[in-house]
Amino acid sequence: SDVCSSDLWGVVFKAPSIVQQPHNTNAVEGAVARFDVLLDPMSPAQFQWRRNGVAIPGATNSVLEFQPVSLADDLARFSVALSNSYGTAVSSEAILSVTPDRVAPRLVQVENRSARRVRVVFSEAVDPVTAQSVAKYALSEGGIVESATISADGTEVILGTAPLAFGKTYTLSVSGVRDRAGVPNVMA
């Protein structure tokens, strides 16, 4: 039974009441799995998402964006515990199905940032060991790659180069960079 209360304006608040439960979802390894729950507007609540019954630190919104998904997350059960001053509720469990990543990373963008910096954007997070190996990069027209530094999210690499000539067109070749899949996919 729900406990109800009203404030001075006649609005009735009650224990958390779920209108839409989280749904089962599929995600590719390395991607984001999204779960959400919809509450009755008259039952505002605090949220705590759980994976296999264990609270996920920091997962306290109505939407959970669980990432990066790994093969170990296949068939994991996600639910959310709700509470307010009138009571508590727990959603049903939603099952996550994970598909292995079988696609190699690809270049999305290459941008000359200055005479000595080139920004490289990949289609997905890449392995820091291979992505930071200068041997994986080659510039045409005699350009020299001197360093490679990966971003925190693993999708970008900043290449430090010997000075590049203004107005000259360079082509960047990248090979041997792996993604972060359980069985890594390698750029040809």
C-alpha atoms as a PDB file:
ATOM      1  CA  SER A   1       0.000   0.000   0.000  1.00  0.00           C
ATOM      2  CA  ASP A   2       1.231   3.464  -0.889  1.00  0.00           C
ATOM      3  CA  VAL A   3       1.601   6.169   1.725  1.00  0.00           C
ATOM      4  CA  CYS A   4       0.408   9.550   0.503  1.00  0.00           C
ATOM      5  CA  SER A   5       0.877  13.103   1.693  1.00  0.00           C
ATOM      6  CA  SER A   6      -0.105  16.500   0.381  1.00  0.00           C
ATOM      7  CA  ASP A   7       1.552  19.852   0.635  1.00  0.00           C
ATOM      8  CA  LEU A   8      -0.088  23.241   1.122  1.00  0.00           C
ATOM      9  CA  TRP A   9      -1.162  23.467  -2.534  1.00  0.00           C
ATOM     10  CA  GLY A  10      -3.010  20.143  -2.575  1.00  0.00           C
ATOM     11  CA  VAL A  11      -0.427  18.211  -4.597  1.00  0.00           C
ATOM     12  CA  VAL A  12      -0.312  14.581  -3.490  1.00  0.00           C
ATOM     13  CA  PHE A  13       3.059  12.850  -3.203  1.00  0.00           C
ATOM     14  CA  LYS A  14       3.444   9.131  -2.621  1.00  0.00           C
ATOM     15  CA  ALA A  15       5.942   6.299  -2.406  1.00  0.00           C
ATOM     16  CA  PRO A  16       7.867   5.650  -5.656  1.00  0.00           C
ATOM     17  CA  SER A  17       5.614   4.197  -8.326  1.00  0.00           C
ATOM     18  CA  ILE A  18       7.133   2.855 -11.559  1.00  0.00           C
ATOM     19  CA  VAL A  19       5.182   3.601 -14.738  1.00  0.00           C
ATOM     20  CA  GLN A  20       7.697   2.030 -17.151  1.00  0.00           C
ATOM     21  CA  GLN A  21      10.167  -0.674 -16.148  1.00  0.00           C
ATOM     22  CA  PRO A  22      13.708  -0.904 -17.604  1.00  0.00           C
ATOM     23  CA  HIS A  23      13.817  -2.964 -20.823  1.00  0.00           C
ATOM     24  CA  ASN A  24      16.231  -5.685 -21.918  1.00  0.00           C
ATOM     25  CA  THR A  25      18.833  -4.274 -24.281  1.00  0.00           C
ATOM     26  CA  ASN A  26      21.607  -5.318 -26.663  1.00  0.00           C
ATOM     27  CA  ALA A  27      24.980  -3.603 -27.028  1.00  0.00           C
ATOM     28  CA  VAL A  28      28.169  -4.203 -28.944  1.00  0.00           C
ATOM     29  CA  GLU A  29      31.265  -4.756 -26.838  1.00  0.00           C
ATOM     30  CA  GLY A  30      32.918  -1.414 -26.072  1.00  0.00           C
ATOM     31  CA  ALA A  31      29.724   0.588 -26.628  1.00  0.00           C
ATOM     32  CA  VAL A  32      27.140   2.069 -24.249  1.00  0.00           C
ATOM     33  CA  ALA A  33      24.160   0.152 -22.859  1.00  0.00           C
ATOM     34  CA  ARG A  34      21.249   2.423 -21.935  1.00  0.00           C
ATOM     35  CA  PHE A  35      18.593   1.605 -19.347  1.00  0.00           C
ATOM     36  CA  ASP A  36      15.862   3.903 -18.064  1.00  0.00           C
ATOM     37  CA  VAL A  37      12.883   3.872 -15.761  1.00  0.00           C
ATOM     38  CA  LEU A  38       9.841   6.150 -15.736  1.00  0.00           C
ATOM     39  CA  LEU A  39       8.147   7.128 -12.483  1.00  0.00           C
ATOM     40  CA  ASP A  40       4.726   8.468 -11.683  1.00  0.00           C
ATOM     41  CA  PRO A  41       5.257  12.272 -11.532  1.00  0.00           C
ATOM     42  CA  MET A  42       3.685  12.321  -8.078  1.00  0.00           C
ATOM     43  CA  SER A  43       6.314   9.957  -6.712  1.00  0.00           C
ATOM     44  CA  PRO A  44       9.686  11.693  -7.112  1.00  0.00           C
ATOM     45  CA  ALA A  45      12.525   9.529  -5.866  1.00  0.00           C
ATOM     46  CA  GLN A  46      16.238   8.991  -5.488  1.00  0.00           C
ATOM     47  CA  PHE A  47      17.721   6.387  -7.842  1.00  0.00           C
ATOM     48  CA  GLN A  48      20.377   3.724  -7.319  1.00  0.00           C
ATOM     49  CA  TRP A  49      21.097   1.436 -10.264  1.00  0.00           C
ATOM     50  CA  ARG A  50      22.336  -2.081  -9.613  1.00  0.00           C
ATOM     51  CA  ARG A  51      24.217  -4.656 -11.687  1.00  0.00           C
ATOM     52  CA  ASN A  52      23.449  -8.210 -10.584  1.00  0.00           C
ATOM     53  CA  GLY A  53      22.047  -6.828  -7.331  1.00  0.00           C
ATOM     54  CA  VAL A  54      25.138  -4.738  -6.480  1.00  0.00           C
ATOM     55  CA  ALA A  55      24.946  -0.929  -6.451  1.00  0.00           C
ATOM     56  CA  ILE A  56      26.830   0.771  -9.285  1.00  0.00           C
ATOM     57  CA  PRO A  57      28.808   3.709  -7.828  1.00  0.00           C
ATOM     58  CA  GLY A  58      27.557   7.064  -9.125  1.00  0.00           C
ATOM     59  CA  ALA A  59      24.590   5.553 -11.009  1.00  0.00           C
ATOM     60  CA  THR A  60      21.924   7.723  -9.382  1.00  0.00           C
ATOM     61  CA  ASN A  61      19.876   9.135 -12.289  1.00  0.00           C
ATOM     62  CA  SER A  62      16.683   7.929 -13.966  1.00  0.00           C
ATOM     63  CA  VAL A  63      18.824   6.877 -16.956  1.00  0.00           C
ATOM     64  CA  LEU A  64      21.822   4.560 -16.723  1.00  0.00           C
ATOM     65  CA  GLU A  65      24.413   4.738 -19.492  1.00  0.00           C
ATOM     66  CA  PHE A  66      26.601   1.759 -18.651  1.00  0.00           C
ATOM     67  CA  GLN A  67      29.958   1.869 -20.446  1.00  0.00           C
ATOM     68  CA  PRO A  68      32.137   0.534 -21.814  1.00  0.00           C
ATOM     69  CA  VAL A  69      30.241  -2.743 -22.152  1.00  0.00           C
ATOM     70  CA  SER A  70      32.480  -5.826 -22.061  1.00  0.00           C
ATOM     71  CA  LEU A  71      31.840  -9.463 -22.914  1.00  0.00           C
ATOM     72  CA  ALA A  72      31.821 -10.130 -19.148  1.00  0.00           C
ATOM     73  CA  ASP A  73      28.608  -8.045 -18.996  1.00  0.00           C
ATOM     74  CA  ASP A  74      26.714 -10.478 -21.251  1.00  0.00           C
ATOM     75  CA  LEU A  75      23.494 -11.535 -19.480  1.00  0.00           C
ATOM     76  CA  ALA A  76      24.086  -9.156 -16.568  1.00  0.00           C
ATOM     77  CA  ARG A  77      20.886  -8.053 -14.818  1.00  0.00           C
ATOM     78  CA  PHE A  78      20.218  -4.339 -14.227  1.00  0.00           C
ATOM     79  CA  SER A  79      17.610  -2.889 -11.881  1.00  0.00           C
ATOM     80  CA  VAL A  80      17.089   0.349 -10.010  1.00  0.00           C
ATOM     81  CA  ALA A  81      16.188   0.889  -6.344  1.00  0.00           C
ATOM     82  CA  LEU A  82      13.991   3.927  -5.718  1.00  0.00           C
ATOM     83  CA  SER A  83      13.329   5.736  -2.470  1.00  0.00           C
ATOM     84  CA  ASN A  84      11.703   8.863  -1.109  1.00  0.00           C
ATOM     85  CA  SER A  85      10.384   9.899   2.293  1.00  0.00           C
ATOM     86  CA  TYR A  86       7.156   7.907   1.695  1.00  0.00           C
ATOM     87  CA  GLY A  87       8.667   4.540   0.787  1.00  0.00           C
ATOM     88  CA  THR A  88      10.777   2.460  -1.566  1.00  0.00           C
ATOM     89  CA  ALA A  89      10.429   0.395  -4.739  1.00  0.00           C
ATOM     90  CA  VAL A  90      12.702  -1.783  -6.869  1.00  0.00           C
ATOM     91  CA  SER A  91      12.271  -2.143 -10.607  1.00  0.00           C
ATOM     92  CA  SER A  92      12.176  -5.406 -12.453  1.00  0.00           C
ATOM     93  CA  GLU A  93      15.493  -6.617 -13.856  1.00  0.00           C
ATOM     94  CA  ALA A  94      16.534  -5.871 -17.433  1.00  0.00           C
ATOM     95  CA  ILE A  95      18.998  -8.223 -19.144  1.00  0.00           C
ATOM     96  CA  LEU A  96      21.966  -6.945 -21.139  1.00  0.00           C
ATOM     97  CA  SER A  97      23.035  -9.016 -24.157  1.00  0.00           C
ATOM     98  CA  VAL A  98      26.533  -8.209 -25.432  1.00  0.00           C
ATOM     99  CA  THR A  99      27.685  -8.855 -28.987  1.00  0.00           C
ATOM    100  CA  PRO A 100      31.436  -9.191 -29.621  1.00  0.00           C
ATOM    101  CA  ASP A 101      33.101  -6.291 -31.449  1.00  0.00           C
ATOM    102  CA  ARG A 102      34.360  -7.659 -34.767  1.00  0.00           C
ATOM    103  CA  VAL A 103      35.005  -4.335 -36.522  1.00  0.00           C
ATOM    104  CA  ALA A 104      38.451  -2.756 -36.650  1.00  0.00           C
ATOM    105  CA  PRO A 105      38.763   0.908 -35.704  1.00  0.00           C
ATOM    106  CA  ARG A 106      38.812   3.376 -38.582  1.00  0.00           C
ATOM    107  CA  LEU A 107      39.934   6.953 -39.017  1.00  0.00           C
ATOM    108  CA  VAL A 108      37.117   9.459 -38.618  1.00  0.00           C
ATOM    109  CA  GLN A 109      39.124  12.670 -38.868  1.00  0.00           C
ATOM    110  CA  VAL A 110      42.698  13.872 -39.270  1.00  0.00           C
ATOM    111  CA  GLU A 111      43.326  17.526 -38.538  1.00  0.00           C
ATOM    112  CA  ASN A 112      46.499  19.584 -38.686  1.00  0.00           C
ATOM    113  CA  ARG A 113      46.488  21.607 -35.435  1.00  0.00           C
ATOM    114  CA  SER A 114      49.792  23.445 -35.968  1.00  0.00           C
ATOM    115  CA  ALA A 115      53.147  23.032 -37.704  1.00  0.00           C
ATOM    116  CA  ARG A 116      54.016  20.348 -35.133  1.00  0.00           C
ATOM    117  CA  ARG A 117      50.674  18.758 -34.138  1.00  0.00           C
ATOM    118  CA  VAL A 118      48.199  16.491 -35.909  1.00  0.00           C
ATOM    119  CA  ARG A 119      44.937  15.365 -34.289  1.00  0.00           C
ATOM    120  CA  VAL A 120      43.751  11.856 -35.209  1.00  0.00           C
ATOM    121  CA  VAL A 121      40.187  10.771 -34.347  1.00  0.00           C
ATOM    122  CA  PHE A 122      39.231   7.071 -34.374  1.00  0.00           C
ATOM    123  CA  SER A 123      35.748   5.545 -34.691  1.00  0.00           C
ATOM    124  CA  GLU A 124      36.082   3.892 -31.282  1.00  0.00           C
ATOM    125  CA  ALA A 125      38.391   3.751 -28.279  1.00  0.00           C
ATOM    126  CA  VAL A 126      41.737   2.238 -29.228  1.00  0.00           C
ATOM    127  CA  ASP A 127      44.424   0.359 -27.327  1.00  0.00           C
ATOM    128  CA  PRO A 128      46.845   2.851 -25.746  1.00  0.00           C
ATOM    129  CA  VAL A 129      49.923   0.678 -26.352  1.00  0.00           C
ATOM    130  CA  THR A 130      49.447   0.416 -30.115  1.00  0.00           C
ATOM    131  CA  ALA A 131      47.930   3.907 -30.504  1.00  0.00           C
ATOM    132  CA  GLN A 132      50.942   5.555 -28.834  1.00  0.00           C
ATOM    133  CA  SER A 133      53.515   3.714 -30.936  1.00  0.00           C
ATOM    134  CA  VAL A 134      54.947   6.175 -33.489  1.00  0.00           C
ATOM    135  CA  ALA A 135      55.740   3.204 -35.743  1.00  0.00           C
ATOM    136  CA  LYS A 136      51.982   2.858 -36.426  1.00  0.00           C
ATOM    137  CA  TYR A 137      51.849   6.251 -38.200  1.00  0.00           C
ATOM    138  CA  ALA A 138      53.458   7.472 -41.424  1.00  0.00           C
ATOM    139  CA  LEU A 139      53.241  10.899 -43.064  1.00  0.00           C
ATOM    140  CA  SER A 140      53.826  11.377 -46.784  1.00  0.00           C
ATOM    141  CA  GLU A 141      56.041  14.117 -48.230  1.00  0.00           C
ATOM    142  CA  GLY A 142      58.818  13.348 -45.741  1.00  0.00           C
ATOM    143  CA  GLY A 143      56.751  14.240 -42.665  1.00  0.00           C
ATOM    144  CA  ILE A 144      58.083  12.713 -39.457  1.00  0.00           C
ATOM    145  CA  VAL A 145      55.943  11.555 -36.521  1.00  0.00           C
ATOM    146  CA  GLU A 146      57.918  12.059 -33.293  1.00  0.00           C
ATOM    147  CA  SER A 147      55.327  11.263 -30.605  1.00  0.00           C
ATOM    148  CA  ALA A 148      51.785   9.962 -30.139  1.00  0.00           C
ATOM    149  CA  THR A 149      49.634  10.762 -27.089  1.00  0.00           C
ATOM    150  CA  ILE A 150      46.196   9.210 -26.557  1.00  0.00           C
ATOM    151  CA  SER A 151      43.233  11.070 -25.029  1.00  0.00           C
ATOM    152  CA  ALA A 152      41.599   9.966 -21.768  1.00  0.00           C
ATOM    153  CA  ASP A 153      38.621   8.422 -23.596  1.00  0.00           C
ATOM    154  CA  GLY A 154      40.889   6.619 -26.056  1.00  0.00           C
ATOM    155  CA  THR A 155      39.257   7.918 -29.235  1.00  0.00           C
ATOM    156  CA  GLU A 156      41.833  10.590 -30.143  1.00  0.00           C
ATOM    157  CA  VAL A 157      45.597  10.700 -30.565  1.00  0.00           C
ATOM    158  CA  ILE A 158      47.696  13.838 -30.842  1.00  0.00           C
ATOM    159  CA  LEU A 159      50.744  13.293 -33.013  1.00  0.00           C
ATOM    160  CA  GLY A 160      53.798  15.412 -32.389  1.00  0.00           C
ATOM    161  CA  THR A 161      55.665  15.927 -35.667  1.00  0.00           C
ATOM    162  CA  ALA A 162      58.787  17.495 -37.046  1.00  0.00           C
ATOM    163  CA  PRO A 163      57.794  20.905 -38.481  1.00  0.00           C
ATOM    164  CA  LEU A 164      55.311  20.536 -41.334  1.00  0.00           C
ATOM    165  CA  ALA A 165      55.488  22.923 -44.294  1.00  0.00           C
ATOM    166  CA  PHE A 166      52.651  25.440 -44.620  1.00  0.00           C
ATOM    167  CA  GLY A 167      50.533  24.861 -47.741  1.00  0.00           C
ATOM    168  CA  LYS A 168      51.860  21.366 -48.367  1.00  0.00           C
ATOM    169  CA  THR A 169      49.397  18.446 -48.439  1.00  0.00           C
ATOM    170  CA  TYR A 170      50.347  15.448 -46.319  1.00  0.00           C
ATOM    171  CA  THR A 171      48.732  12.027 -46.204  1.00  0.00           C
ATOM    172  CA  LEU A 172      48.650  10.132 -42.929  1.00  0.00           C
ATOM    173  CA  SER A 173      48.760   6.330 -43.023  1.00  0.00           C
ATOM    174  CA  VAL A 174      47.819   4.395 -39.904  1.00  0.00           C
ATOM    175  CA  SER A 175      48.183   0.634 -39.500  1.00  0.00           C
ATOM    176  CA  GLY A 176      48.428  -1.865 -36.685  1.00  0.00           C
ATOM    177  CA  VAL A 177      46.372   0.139 -34.154  1.00  0.00           C
ATOM    178  CA  ARG A 178      44.055  -2.193 -32.199  1.00  0.00           C
ATOM    179  CA  ASP A 179      40.724  -1.521 -30.556  1.00  0.00           C
ATOM    180  CA  ARG A 180      39.923  -2.512 -26.956  1.00  0.00           C
ATOM    181  CA  ALA A 181      37.768  -5.553 -27.750  1.00  0.00           C
ATOM    182  CA  GLY A 182      38.341  -8.787 -25.830  1.00  0.00           C
ATOM    183  CA  VAL A 183      39.691 -10.192 -29.092  1.00  0.00           C
ATOM    184  CA  PRO A 184      41.259  -7.026 -30.532  1.00  0.00           C
ATOM    185  CA  ASN A 185      40.496  -5.901 -34.074  1.00  0.00           C
ATOM    186  CA  VAL A 186      43.499  -4.421 -35.873  1.00  0.00           C
ATOM    187  CA  MET A 187      43.556  -1.646 -38.475  1.00  0.00           C
ATOM    188  CA  ALA A 188      45.006  -2.912 -41.760  1.00  0.00           C
END
